[in-house]
Amino acid sequence: MHNINYDKFDIKLGNTLTEPHFRDEKPFDAIVSNPPYSVKWIGSDDPTLINDERFAPAGVLAPKSKADFAFVLHALNYLSAKGRAAIVCFPGIFYRGGAEQKIRQYLVDNNYVETVISLAPNLFFGTTIAVNILVLSKHKTGYQSSVY
């Protein structure tokens, strides 16, 4: 995000999952997101969501009790072919099973995961959780694995 003037940013407040903004302005070259960790969402209670362009490619919805991957898929959908997204994530999304495992597999199979950066605990105000930054990209060529 270096050398990007602040007037290039347009920040909105709202529920990204049920009332997404910027549909007419997408795709974006840079997305930075720090969504709430493991919040509940409507998920499978709304049968139309599985056909939503943000979630349909994964073939499964994030669990109703943990919307983490719904935010990840939302960001991925808004990302341009040459863009990059950095999403602060609760560590659980990297090891929980069920629908989250299927979404992880979708991200890996389609080569969208550029890297995962693990941060130390106590970096964020109000929580001691050691979080991760999931970096997504649609323009990777070949398989690249990085560990930091």
Protein backbone atom coordinates (compact mmCIF):
# COMPACT_ATOMS: atom_id res chain seq x y z
CA MET A 1 0.00 0.00 0.00
CA HIS A 2 3.08 2.21 -0.17
CA ASN A 3 2.93 5.29 -2.37
CA ILE A 4 -0.86 5.22 -2.70
CA ASN A 5 -2.35 8.59 -1.84
CA TYR A 6 -5.11 8.58 0.79
CA ASP A 7 -7.56 10.18 -1.65
CA LYS A 8 -7.55 6.89 -3.58
CA PHE A 9 -9.29 5.13 -0.69
CA ASP A 10 -13.08 4.97 -0.31
CA ILE A 11 -14.10 3.34 2.97
CA LYS A 12 -17.70 2.32 3.68
CA LEU A 13 -19.44 1.09 6.82
CA GLY A 14 -21.97 -1.73 6.65
CA ASN A 15 -22.50 -5.47 6.49
CA THR A 16 -20.26 -6.65 3.67
CA LEU A 17 -21.88 -10.07 3.49
CA THR A 18 -25.54 -9.07 3.27
CA GLU A 19 -25.29 -5.59 1.76
CA PRO A 20 -22.03 -5.41 -0.21
CA HIS A 21 -20.82 -2.06 -1.50
CA PHE A 22 -18.79 -1.29 -4.63
CA ARG A 23 -20.36 -3.94 -6.90
CA ASP A 24 -20.35 -1.47 -9.77
CA GLU A 25 -16.76 -0.38 -9.12
CA LYS A 26 -15.13 -3.80 -8.90
CA PRO A 27 -12.68 -5.35 -9.58
CA PHE A 28 -9.99 -3.88 -7.34
CA ASP A 29 -6.22 -4.16 -7.60
CA ALA A 30 -5.67 -3.91 -3.83
CA ILE A 31 -7.88 -5.10 -0.99
CA VAL A 32 -6.99 -4.84 2.71
CA SER A 33 -9.43 -6.38 5.15
CA ASN A 34 -9.62 -7.03 8.88
CA PRO A 35 -13.04 -8.65 9.21
CA PRO A 36 -14.52 -9.65 12.57
CA TYR A 37 -13.28 -13.05 13.70
CA SER A 38 -15.66 -16.03 13.65
CA VAL A 39 -18.88 -14.00 13.72
CA LYS A 40 -22.23 -15.57 12.96
CA TRP A 41 -23.93 -14.86 9.65
CA ILE A 42 -27.06 -15.96 7.81
CA GLY A 43 -25.18 -18.52 5.69
CA SER A 44 -27.26 -21.55 4.74
CA ASP A 45 -30.41 -20.00 6.24
CA ASP A 46 -30.54 -18.01 2.98
CA PRO A 47 -30.59 -20.61 0.18
CA THR A 48 -29.90 -17.94 -2.46
CA LEU A 49 -26.40 -17.31 -1.10
CA ILE A 50 -24.97 -20.51 -2.59
CA ASN A 51 -25.70 -18.96 -6.01
CA ASP A 52 -24.17 -15.59 -5.09
CA GLU A 53 -21.22 -14.90 -7.41
CA ARG A 54 -19.00 -14.38 -4.37
CA PHE A 55 -19.61 -17.81 -2.86
CA ALA A 56 -20.76 -20.10 -5.71
CA PRO A 57 -17.30 -20.89 -7.14
CA ALA A 58 -16.25 -22.56 -3.87
CA GLY A 59 -19.33 -24.80 -4.00
CA VAL A 60 -20.01 -24.41 -0.30
CA LEU A 61 -20.90 -21.63 2.13
CA ALA A 62 -18.90 -20.70 5.20
CA PRO A 63 -20.55 -22.11 8.34
CA LYS A 64 -23.29 -19.99 9.91
CA SER A 65 -21.35 -19.94 13.18
CA LYS A 66 -18.10 -18.74 11.56
CA ALA A 67 -18.25 -16.25 8.68
CA ASP A 68 -14.46 -15.95 8.32
CA PHE A 69 -14.30 -17.60 4.89
CA ALA A 70 -17.37 -15.69 3.68
CA PHE A 71 -15.30 -12.52 4.08
CA VAL A 72 -12.34 -14.17 2.33
CA LEU A 73 -14.49 -15.26 -0.64
CA HIS A 74 -16.06 -11.80 -0.80
CA ALA A 75 -12.61 -10.22 -1.10
CA LEU A 76 -11.51 -12.77 -3.69
CA ASN A 77 -14.57 -12.02 -5.82
CA TYR A 78 -13.81 -8.29 -5.77
CA LEU A 79 -10.14 -8.82 -6.68
CA SER A 80 -8.91 -7.99 -10.18
CA ALA A 81 -6.93 -10.48 -12.25
CA LYS A 82 -3.75 -8.56 -11.41
CA GLY A 83 -4.69 -7.63 -7.84
CA ARG A 84 -3.66 -8.72 -4.38
CA ALA A 85 -5.71 -9.01 -1.19
CA ALA A 86 -4.35 -9.06 2.37
CA ILE A 87 -6.88 -10.33 4.91
CA VAL A 88 -6.28 -10.54 8.66
CA CYS A 89 -7.67 -13.91 9.73
CA PHE A 90 -8.40 -15.86 12.87
CA PRO A 91 -6.03 -18.87 12.97
CA GLY A 92 -8.91 -21.36 13.10
CA ILE A 93 -9.66 -21.00 9.41
CA PHE A 94 -6.43 -22.82 8.63
CA TYR A 95 -7.28 -26.02 10.51
CA ARG A 96 -11.05 -26.35 11.02
CA GLY A 97 -12.80 -29.05 8.99
CA GLY A 98 -16.11 -29.27 7.15
CA ALA A 99 -17.07 -26.42 4.83
CA GLU A 100 -13.97 -24.45 5.81
CA GLN A 101 -11.73 -27.31 4.72
CA LYS A 102 -13.52 -27.39 1.36
CA ILE A 103 -13.06 -23.64 0.90
CA ARG A 104 -9.35 -23.92 1.77
CA GLN A 105 -9.04 -26.68 -0.81
CA TYR A 106 -10.78 -24.48 -3.40
CA LEU A 107 -8.34 -21.63 -2.71
CA VAL A 108 -5.30 -23.90 -2.96
CA ASP A 109 -6.54 -25.84 -6.01
CA ASN A 110 -7.08 -22.58 -7.89
CA ASN A 111 -3.68 -21.21 -6.84
CA TYR A 112 -5.17 -18.14 -5.13
CA VAL A 113 -3.09 -18.35 -1.94
CA GLU A 114 0.07 -16.32 -2.34
CA THR A 115 1.24 -16.67 1.24
CA VAL A 116 0.15 -16.81 4.86
CA ILE A 117 1.95 -14.58 7.34
CA SER A 118 1.70 -15.57 11.00
CA LEU A 119 1.82 -12.69 13.46
CA ALA A 120 2.77 -12.79 17.12
CA PRO A 121 0.11 -12.56 19.84
CA ASN A 122 -0.86 -9.23 21.44
CA LEU A 123 -0.41 -7.13 18.29
CA PHE A 124 -4.04 -6.02 18.13
CA PHE A 125 -5.73 -3.91 20.79
CA GLY A 126 -8.28 -5.85 22.80
CA THR A 127 -7.15 -9.36 21.89
CA THR A 128 -4.22 -11.61 22.68
CA ILE A 129 -4.89 -13.84 19.67
CA ALA A 130 -1.98 -14.50 17.33
CA VAL A 131 -3.56 -13.77 13.95
CA ASN A 132 -2.52 -14.49 10.38
CA ILE A 133 -2.55 -12.43 7.21
CA LEU A 134 -3.85 -14.39 4.25
CA VAL A 135 -2.52 -12.94 0.99
CA LEU A 136 -4.55 -13.81 -2.11
CA SER A 137 -3.66 -13.26 -5.74
CA LYS A 138 -5.33 -14.27 -9.01
CA HIS A 139 -2.22 -13.76 -11.13
CA LYS A 140 0.20 -16.31 -9.75
CA THR A 141 1.95 -18.49 -12.30
CA GLY A 142 2.91 -21.95 -11.24
CA TYR A 143 2.97 -23.28 -7.72
CA GLN A 144 4.96 -21.24 -5.24
CA SER A 145 5.32 -22.07 -1.59
CA SER A 146 6.66 -19.56 0.92
CA VAL A 147 7.18 -19.87 4.65
CA TYR A 148 7.96 -16.82 6.81
